[in-house]
Structure formats: structure tokens, C-alpha cells
Amino acid sequence: MSVDTDFVGKVTFTRLYAAHFQTFALLAMQYVKDMRVAEDIVQDTFLKYWEAPFTLENPQALKTYFGRIIINRSLNHLKREKNLQRHHELIGQEITEQDVFERLHESELQVMVYGEIERLPEQCKKVFKMNRFDGLKYREIAEQLQLSERTVENHIAHALKVLRKNLLEEKSFKANFEKYKSLLLILSMH
């Protein structure tokens, strides 16, 4: 009578999991100091074994083997967390309150620009977006929309005129025009 080694492996796995999950979680917890993370490490370790089971010559060594894997994964988790924390600290040191203010303000100005683009007449808006956002040339736009190149050129010129006028009337935009004129790049390209 032959023994199904896959079945025996799954039974061993199930018994090991049921009998030692909590012990392994407490082992991982000694390193990571967070029970949820510890349980995730143990769960992941068992899942990896379930997906790709292996055979040990001494089945009693399986518990020790899993313990070593869980300790290594716990230490790897701590290394990743430490690197992530160091990375966040470096970013925090590099970004000043002024940087945050400028980025927020820049985002508000971008919203303003895109809002004005959305208010353009439909065909004009479509042509402008195809040119500025999709990078299509006048000829390509004309072919796709079955328009003359001159009509495409007129739509772009009209869009730029309207956008410049409307944005320069906006107090917030006008006050910061020099500082944020990079946002106007899409409006100045011809």
C-alpha cells in the first residue's frame, strides 16, 4: 500500500498550524512588538509552506525550522520598518513648512488652470487638450477631428487667449504669477 506524501504533508501542516500558531505568533511578537504584525508574519510563513511544501528528513525538525523562518521574517520586517522610518525622517528634514505651503498653493493653482480649461467651448477644449496633454501636433488633431489645420490653430489661439485673460483676473493667480509661471507652461507653448 502506497502512502500519498502530499496528503501526509498537508496533515502534518494542519496539525503544526493548529498546535503552534499561537506559539509562533508570540515568538514573532517578541521581535516586532505588534501582535497583528506577528500573526501576519506567521500566517504568511504557513501560506508559503502550503503553496510550496517541502519535505524534511526529520519531521520533528519542522517546528524548529518554522521557528527559525519566523524569527528571520520578523527581523526582516524590523529592517524594512527601520529603513522606512529613516526614509520618512529624511523627507521630513528636507521638506520645510514653506515647501508644504508652496506645494499646496501650486496644487490650488493647477486646479484653477484645469477648471478654466474645462470652461472652454467643447471643441476648443478638446483641441487644446489633444495638443497640450496628449502632445499631438496640429496636423494630427486636424486629421483625427476632420478639421483644417487652420481651424485647429484658431482653437488653440482662442483657448490661450481666454485662459490667460481669465487666469490673470484671478487675484490668487495674479499675485503669484512670477512664482508659479511654470504652471503657465501649458498656456505659453505654441
Protein backbone atom coordinates (compact mmCIF):
# COMPACT_ATOMS: atom_id res chain seq x y z
CA MET A 1 0.00 0.00 0.00
CA SER A 2 1.49 3.32 -1.07
CA VAL A 3 1.34 6.44 1.08
CA ASP A 4 0.27 9.73 -0.51
CA THR A 5 3.12 12.02 0.61
CA ASP A 6 1.17 15.15 -0.39
CA PHE A 7 -1.70 14.08 1.91
CA VAL A 8 0.72 13.31 4.75
CA GLY A 9 2.37 16.70 4.24
CA LYS A 10 -0.98 18.52 4.40
CA VAL A 11 -1.98 16.64 7.55
CA THR A 12 1.38 17.50 9.14
CA PHE A 13 0.92 21.10 8.09
CA THR A 14 -2.61 21.28 9.53
CA ARG A 15 -1.51 19.78 12.82
CA LEU A 16 1.51 22.07 13.04
CA TYR A 17 -0.64 25.10 12.28
CA ALA A 18 -3.34 24.22 14.82
CA ALA A 19 -0.92 23.26 17.55
CA HIS A 20 1.66 26.02 17.19
CA PHE A 21 0.16 29.08 15.51
CA GLN A 22 -0.19 30.98 18.78
CA THR A 23 3.29 29.96 19.95
CA PHE A 24 4.79 31.15 16.67
CA ALA A 25 2.81 34.40 16.87
CA LEU A 26 4.18 35.05 20.37
CA LEU A 27 7.67 34.26 19.09
CA ALA A 28 7.32 36.85 16.31
CA MET A 29 5.76 39.30 18.77
CA GLN A 30 8.96 39.26 20.84
CA TYR A 31 10.66 40.91 17.87
CA VAL A 32 8.03 43.07 16.17
CA LYS A 33 6.12 44.17 19.32
CA ASP A 34 2.78 44.17 17.49
CA MET A 35 0.52 41.12 17.68
CA ARG A 36 -1.28 41.87 14.40
CA VAL A 37 2.03 42.09 12.54
CA ALA A 38 3.31 38.97 14.33
CA GLU A 39 0.22 36.99 13.29
CA ASP A 40 0.61 38.22 9.71
CA ILE A 41 4.22 37.00 9.66
CA VAL A 42 3.19 33.57 10.93
CA GLN A 43 0.23 33.38 8.54
CA ASP A 44 2.47 34.32 5.61
CA THR A 45 5.05 31.72 6.63
CA PHE A 46 2.43 28.97 6.74
CA LEU A 47 0.92 30.14 3.47
CA LYS A 48 4.30 29.94 1.72
CA TYR A 49 4.71 26.38 3.01
CA TRP A 50 1.19 25.42 1.93
CA GLU A 51 1.81 26.76 -1.60
CA ALA A 52 5.20 25.06 -1.95
CA PRO A 53 5.53 22.25 0.59
CA PHE A 54 8.90 20.69 1.18
CA THR A 55 9.99 17.54 2.94
CA LEU A 56 12.37 17.41 5.86
CA GLU A 57 14.16 14.17 6.68
CA ASN A 58 13.17 14.66 10.32
CA PRO A 59 9.52 15.79 10.61
CA GLN A 60 10.12 16.74 14.26
CA ALA A 61 12.53 19.39 12.97
CA LEU A 62 9.65 21.12 11.18
CA LYS A 63 8.66 23.10 14.29
CA THR A 64 12.24 24.30 14.77
CA TYR A 65 12.55 25.06 11.07
CA PHE A 66 9.34 27.17 11.13
CA GLY A 67 10.57 28.93 14.26
CA ARG A 68 13.79 29.95 12.53
CA ILE A 69 11.88 31.18 9.44
CA ILE A 70 9.53 33.24 11.62
CA ILE A 71 12.43 34.82 13.52
CA ASN A 72 14.16 35.69 10.21
CA ARG A 73 10.97 37.19 8.78
CA SER A 74 10.43 39.17 11.98
CA LEU A 75 13.96 40.57 11.74
CA ASN A 76 13.43 41.40 8.06
CA HIS A 77 10.21 43.20 8.97
CA LEU A 78 12.10 45.27 11.56
CA LYS A 79 14.79 46.14 8.98
CA ARG A 80 12.15 47.27 6.46
CA GLU A 81 10.39 49.34 9.12
CA LYS A 82 13.66 50.94 10.22
CA ASN A 83 14.56 51.81 6.61
CA LEU A 84 11.09 53.22 6.01
CA GLN A 85 11.29 55.29 9.19
CA ARG A 86 14.73 56.60 8.20
CA HIS A 87 13.40 57.48 4.76
CA HIS A 88 10.45 59.38 6.27
CA GLU A 89 12.77 61.24 8.64
CA LEU A 90 14.99 62.31 5.74
CA ILE A 91 12.00 63.52 3.78
CA GLY A 92 10.70 65.30 6.88
CA GLN A 93 14.02 67.08 7.31
CA GLU A 94 14.15 68.12 3.67
CA ILE A 95 10.60 69.47 3.45
CA THR A 96 10.05 72.77 5.21
CA GLU A 97 6.74 74.39 6.08
CA GLN A 98 7.36 76.77 3.19
CA ASP A 99 7.70 73.78 0.82
CA VAL A 100 4.39 72.38 2.04
CA PHE A 101 2.70 75.76 1.65
CA GLU A 102 4.11 76.21 -1.85
CA ARG A 103 3.08 72.72 -2.96
CA LEU A 104 -0.44 73.23 -1.64
CA HIS A 105 -0.65 76.59 -3.31
CA GLU A 106 0.72 75.15 -6.54
CA SER A 107 -1.97 72.44 -6.42
CA GLU A 108 -4.66 75.08 -5.94
CA LEU A 109 -3.31 76.97 -8.93
CA GLN A 110 -3.30 73.80 -11.02
CA VAL A 111 -6.92 73.21 -10.08
CA MET A 112 -7.64 76.77 -11.19
CA VAL A 113 -5.92 76.22 -14.56
CA TYR A 114 -7.71 72.93 -15.19
CA GLY A 115 -11.00 74.47 -14.12
CA GLU A 116 -10.56 77.22 -16.69
CA ILE A 117 -9.70 74.66 -19.36
CA GLU A 118 -12.93 72.80 -18.58
CA ARG A 119 -14.93 76.02 -19.14
CA LEU A 120 -13.69 76.38 -22.72
CA PRO A 121 -16.19 75.67 -25.52
CA GLU A 122 -16.36 71.91 -26.14
CA GLN A 123 -14.49 71.69 -29.48
CA CYS A 124 -11.92 74.27 -28.37
CA LYS A 125 -11.33 72.34 -25.12
CA LYS A 126 -10.98 69.06 -26.99
CA VAL A 127 -8.43 70.50 -29.43
CA PHE A 128 -6.48 72.21 -26.63
CA LYS A 129 -6.28 69.03 -24.53
CA MET A 130 -5.22 66.93 -27.52
CA ASN A 131 -2.41 69.39 -28.17
CA ARG A 132 -1.24 70.20 -24.64
CA PHE A 133 -1.98 66.96 -22.77
CA ASP A 134 -1.73 64.30 -25.49
CA GLY A 135 1.13 66.05 -27.30
CA LEU A 136 -0.50 65.85 -30.73
CA LYS A 137 0.58 68.20 -33.48
CA TYR A 138 -1.93 70.47 -35.22
CA ARG A 139 -1.88 68.25 -38.31
CA GLU A 140 -2.63 65.10 -36.24
CA ILE A 141 -5.50 66.80 -34.46
CA ALA A 142 -6.90 68.06 -37.76
CA GLU A 143 -6.82 64.53 -39.20
CA GLN A 144 -8.44 62.93 -36.15
CA LEU A 145 -11.21 65.51 -35.83
CA GLN A 146 -11.57 66.07 -39.58
CA LEU A 147 -10.81 69.78 -39.29
CA SER A 148 -8.46 72.03 -41.17
CA GLU A 149 -5.09 72.80 -39.59
CA ARG A 150 -6.10 76.47 -39.61
CA THR A 151 -9.21 75.66 -37.54
CA VAL A 152 -7.07 73.75 -35.04
CA GLU A 153 -4.67 76.68 -34.85
CA ASN A 154 -7.58 79.08 -34.27
CA HIS A 155 -8.96 76.87 -31.45
CA ILE A 156 -5.55 76.81 -29.72
CA ALA A 157 -5.11 80.58 -30.09
CA HIS A 158 -8.63 81.18 -28.72
CA ALA A 159 -8.04 78.81 -25.78
CA LEU A 160 -4.76 80.53 -24.87
CA LYS A 161 -6.33 83.98 -25.08
CA VAL A 162 -9.29 83.00 -22.86
CA LEU A 163 -7.14 81.15 -20.34
CA ARG A 164 -4.62 83.97 -19.99
CA LYS A 165 -7.37 86.54 -19.59
CA ASN A 166 -9.39 84.53 -17.04
CA LEU A 167 -6.39 83.40 -15.01
CA LEU A 168 -4.82 86.84 -14.84
CA GLU A 169 -8.09 88.21 -13.47
CA GLU A 170 -7.90 85.69 -10.61
CA LYS A 171 -6.32 87.51 -7.63
CA SER A 172 -4.53 84.49 -6.18
CA PHE A 173 -3.08 83.57 -9.53
CA LYS A 174 -2.11 87.14 -10.39
CA ALA A 175 -0.37 87.67 -7.04
CA ASN A 176 1.77 84.58 -7.57
CA PHE A 177 2.25 84.82 -11.32
CA GLU A 178 6.04 85.17 -11.22
CA LYS A 179 6.49 82.46 -8.63
CA TYR A 180 4.29 79.92 -10.40
CA LYS A 181 4.68 80.74 -14.02
CA SER A 182 5.89 77.19 -14.64
CA LEU A 183 2.22 76.26 -14.35
CA LEU A 184 1.57 78.51 -17.29
CA LEU A 185 3.89 76.46 -19.45
CA ILE A 186 0.93 74.68 -20.97
CA LEU A 187 -0.53 78.08 -21.80
CA SER A 188 2.58 79.51 -23.41
CA MET A 189 3.60 76.63 -25.67
CA HIS A 190 2.81 77.35 -29.32
